[in-house]
Amino acid sequence: MPSPHTPTPPLAVPAKEAARLLSLSLSRLYELLRNGELQSYADGYSRRVTMASIHQYVERRLADSGGSWRQITAQPLRRNAAAHTPP
């Protein structure tokens, strides 16, 4: 049994939080819900997305990419030199 000081992860989150966790827009999240890629249920007037379906979605996306990911390195900001030339 977890101690009273150990937070229990949620089983489901509101749609806005699910979109934030996946770094998606709400429109894209609802598209995934319509396509059956995420599972959700109505709770009164709000919709809850299951954390299990969020984890499964990420696992599927990783599998589709070959199970690998590519480190993205920051590139220096390139400014238009002509626009910043002193008069």
C-alpha atoms as a PDB file:
ATOM      1  CA  MET A   1       0.000   0.000   0.000  1.00  0.00           C
ATOM      2  CA  PRO A   2       1.470   3.395  -0.951  1.00  0.00           C
ATOM      3  CA  SER A   3       2.381   5.725   1.841  1.00  0.00           C
ATOM      4  CA  PRO A   4       0.234   8.843   2.313  1.00  0.00           C
ATOM      5  CA  HIS A   5       3.155  10.969   1.063  1.00  0.00           C
ATOM      6  CA  THR A   6       3.564   9.102  -2.238  1.00  0.00           C
ATOM      7  CA  PRO A   7       1.462  10.723  -4.954  1.00  0.00           C
ATOM      8  CA  THR A   8      -0.607   8.286  -7.001  1.00  0.00           C
ATOM      9  CA  PRO A   9      -0.485   8.945 -10.736  1.00  0.00           C
ATOM     10  CA  PRO A  10      -3.907   9.669 -12.252  1.00  0.00           C
ATOM     11  CA  LEU A  11      -5.682   6.965 -14.242  1.00  0.00           C
ATOM     12  CA  ALA A  12      -7.260   9.567 -16.532  1.00  0.00           C
ATOM     13  CA  VAL A  13      -6.740  13.258 -17.238  1.00  0.00           C
ATOM     14  CA  PRO A  14      -8.852  16.030 -18.803  1.00  0.00           C
ATOM     15  CA  ALA A  15      -8.499  16.479 -22.566  1.00  0.00           C
ATOM     16  CA  LYS A  16      -6.526  19.715 -22.153  1.00  0.00           C
ATOM     17  CA  GLU A  17      -3.987  17.974 -19.898  1.00  0.00           C
ATOM     18  CA  ALA A  18      -3.723  15.022 -22.303  1.00  0.00           C
ATOM     19  CA  ALA A  19      -2.995  17.455 -25.133  1.00  0.00           C
ATOM     20  CA  ARG A  20      -0.336  19.146 -22.997  1.00  0.00           C
ATOM     21  CA  LEU A  21       1.284  15.806 -22.083  1.00  0.00           C
ATOM     22  CA  LEU A  22       1.486  14.837 -25.760  1.00  0.00           C
ATOM     23  CA  SER A  23       2.431  18.346 -26.955  1.00  0.00           C
ATOM     24  CA  LEU A  24      -0.595  18.426 -29.250  1.00  0.00           C
ATOM     25  CA  SER A  25      -3.301  20.940 -29.975  1.00  0.00           C
ATOM     26  CA  LEU A  26      -6.766  20.189 -28.641  1.00  0.00           C
ATOM     27  CA  SER A  27      -7.962  19.792 -32.234  1.00  0.00           C
ATOM     28  CA  ARG A  28      -5.341  17.105 -32.899  1.00  0.00           C
ATOM     29  CA  LEU A  29      -6.174  15.389 -29.593  1.00  0.00           C
ATOM     30  CA  TYR A  30      -9.872  15.218 -30.487  1.00  0.00           C
ATOM     31  CA  GLU A  31      -8.919  13.876 -33.922  1.00  0.00           C
ATOM     32  CA  LEU A  32      -6.979  11.053 -32.217  1.00  0.00           C
ATOM     33  CA  LEU A  33      -9.994  10.379 -30.001  1.00  0.00           C
ATOM     34  CA  ARG A  34     -12.329  10.230 -33.030  1.00  0.00           C
ATOM     35  CA  ASN A  35      -9.931   7.851 -34.821  1.00  0.00           C
ATOM     36  CA  GLY A  36      -9.787   5.543 -31.788  1.00  0.00           C
ATOM     37  CA  GLU A  37      -6.073   6.123 -31.197  1.00  0.00           C
ATOM     38  CA  LEU A  38      -6.784   7.327 -27.649  1.00  0.00           C
ATOM     39  CA  GLN A  39      -9.442   6.092 -25.243  1.00  0.00           C
ATOM     40  CA  SER A  40     -11.658   8.417 -23.268  1.00  0.00           C
ATOM     41  CA  TYR A  41     -14.919   8.588 -21.374  1.00  0.00           C
ATOM     42  CA  ALA A  42     -17.396  11.287 -20.483  1.00  0.00           C
ATOM     43  CA  ASP A  43     -17.533  12.341 -16.839  1.00  0.00           C
ATOM     44  CA  GLY A  44     -20.453  14.710 -16.542  1.00  0.00           C
ATOM     45  CA  TYR A  45     -19.719  17.583 -18.909  1.00  0.00           C
ATOM     46  CA  SER A  46     -16.006  16.824 -19.187  1.00  0.00           C
ATOM     47  CA  ARG A  47     -14.057  14.214 -21.108  1.00  0.00           C
ATOM     48  CA  ARG A  48     -11.239  12.197 -19.532  1.00  0.00           C
ATOM     49  CA  VAL A  49      -8.469  10.515 -21.508  1.00  0.00           C
ATOM     50  CA  THR A  50      -6.977   7.390 -19.952  1.00  0.00           C
ATOM     51  CA  MET A  51      -3.283   7.527 -19.124  1.00  0.00           C
ATOM     52  CA  ALA A  52      -2.944   3.931 -20.346  1.00  0.00           C
ATOM     53  CA  SER A  53      -4.069   4.983 -23.839  1.00  0.00           C
ATOM     54  CA  ILE A  54      -1.643   7.944 -23.755  1.00  0.00           C
ATOM     55  CA  HIS A  55       1.251   5.587 -22.921  1.00  0.00           C
ATOM     56  CA  GLN A  56       0.120   3.114 -25.599  1.00  0.00           C
ATOM     57  CA  TYR A  57      -0.073   5.912 -28.176  1.00  0.00           C
ATOM     58  CA  VAL A  58       3.510   6.976 -27.414  1.00  0.00           C
ATOM     59  CA  GLU A  59       4.684   3.335 -27.583  1.00  0.00           C
ATOM     60  CA  ARG A  60       3.001   2.929 -30.998  1.00  0.00           C
ATOM     61  CA  ARG A  61       4.600   6.141 -32.266  1.00  0.00           C
ATOM     62  CA  LEU A  62       8.021   4.944 -31.106  1.00  0.00           C
ATOM     63  CA  ALA A  63       7.479   1.554 -32.742  1.00  0.00           C
ATOM     64  CA  ASP A  64       6.442   3.268 -35.999  1.00  0.00           C
ATOM     65  CA  SER A  65       9.696   5.215 -35.960  1.00  0.00           C
ATOM     66  CA  GLY A  66      11.728   2.028 -35.585  1.00  0.00           C
ATOM     67  CA  GLY A  67      11.915   2.342 -31.809  1.00  0.00           C
ATOM     68  CA  SER A  68      14.603   4.951 -32.097  1.00  0.00           C
ATOM     69  CA  TRP A  69      14.684   8.658 -31.737  1.00  0.00           C
ATOM     70  CA  ARG A  70      17.036  11.285 -32.999  1.00  0.00           C
ATOM     71  CA  GLN A  71      18.565  13.880 -30.733  1.00  0.00           C
ATOM     72  CA  ILE A  72      17.667  17.337 -31.927  1.00  0.00           C
ATOM     73  CA  THR A  73      20.472  19.807 -31.455  1.00  0.00           C
ATOM     74  CA  ALA A  74      19.825  23.508 -31.225  1.00  0.00           C
ATOM     75  CA  GLN A  75      20.979  25.515 -34.201  1.00  0.00           C
ATOM     76  CA  PRO A  76      22.081  29.124 -33.827  1.00  0.00           C
ATOM     77  CA  LEU A  77      19.506  31.643 -34.934  1.00  0.00           C
ATOM     78  CA  ARG A  78      20.362  32.891 -38.407  1.00  0.00           C
ATOM     79  CA  ARG A  79      19.499  36.482 -39.009  1.00  0.00           C
ATOM     80  CA  ASN A  80      19.219  38.153 -42.334  1.00  0.00           C
ATOM     81  CA  ALA A  81      22.524  40.042 -42.556  1.00  0.00           C
ATOM     82  CA  ALA A  82      21.146  42.545 -45.077  1.00  0.00           C
ATOM     83  CA  ALA A  83      18.328  43.550 -42.743  1.00  0.00           C
ATOM     84  CA  HIS A  84      20.763  44.367 -39.897  1.00  0.00           C
ATOM     85  CA  THR A  85      23.462  46.206 -41.838  1.00  0.00           C
ATOM     86  CA  PRO A  86      24.180  49.616 -40.278  1.00  0.00           C
ATOM     87  CA  PRO A  87      23.510  52.608 -42.570  1.00  0.00           C
END
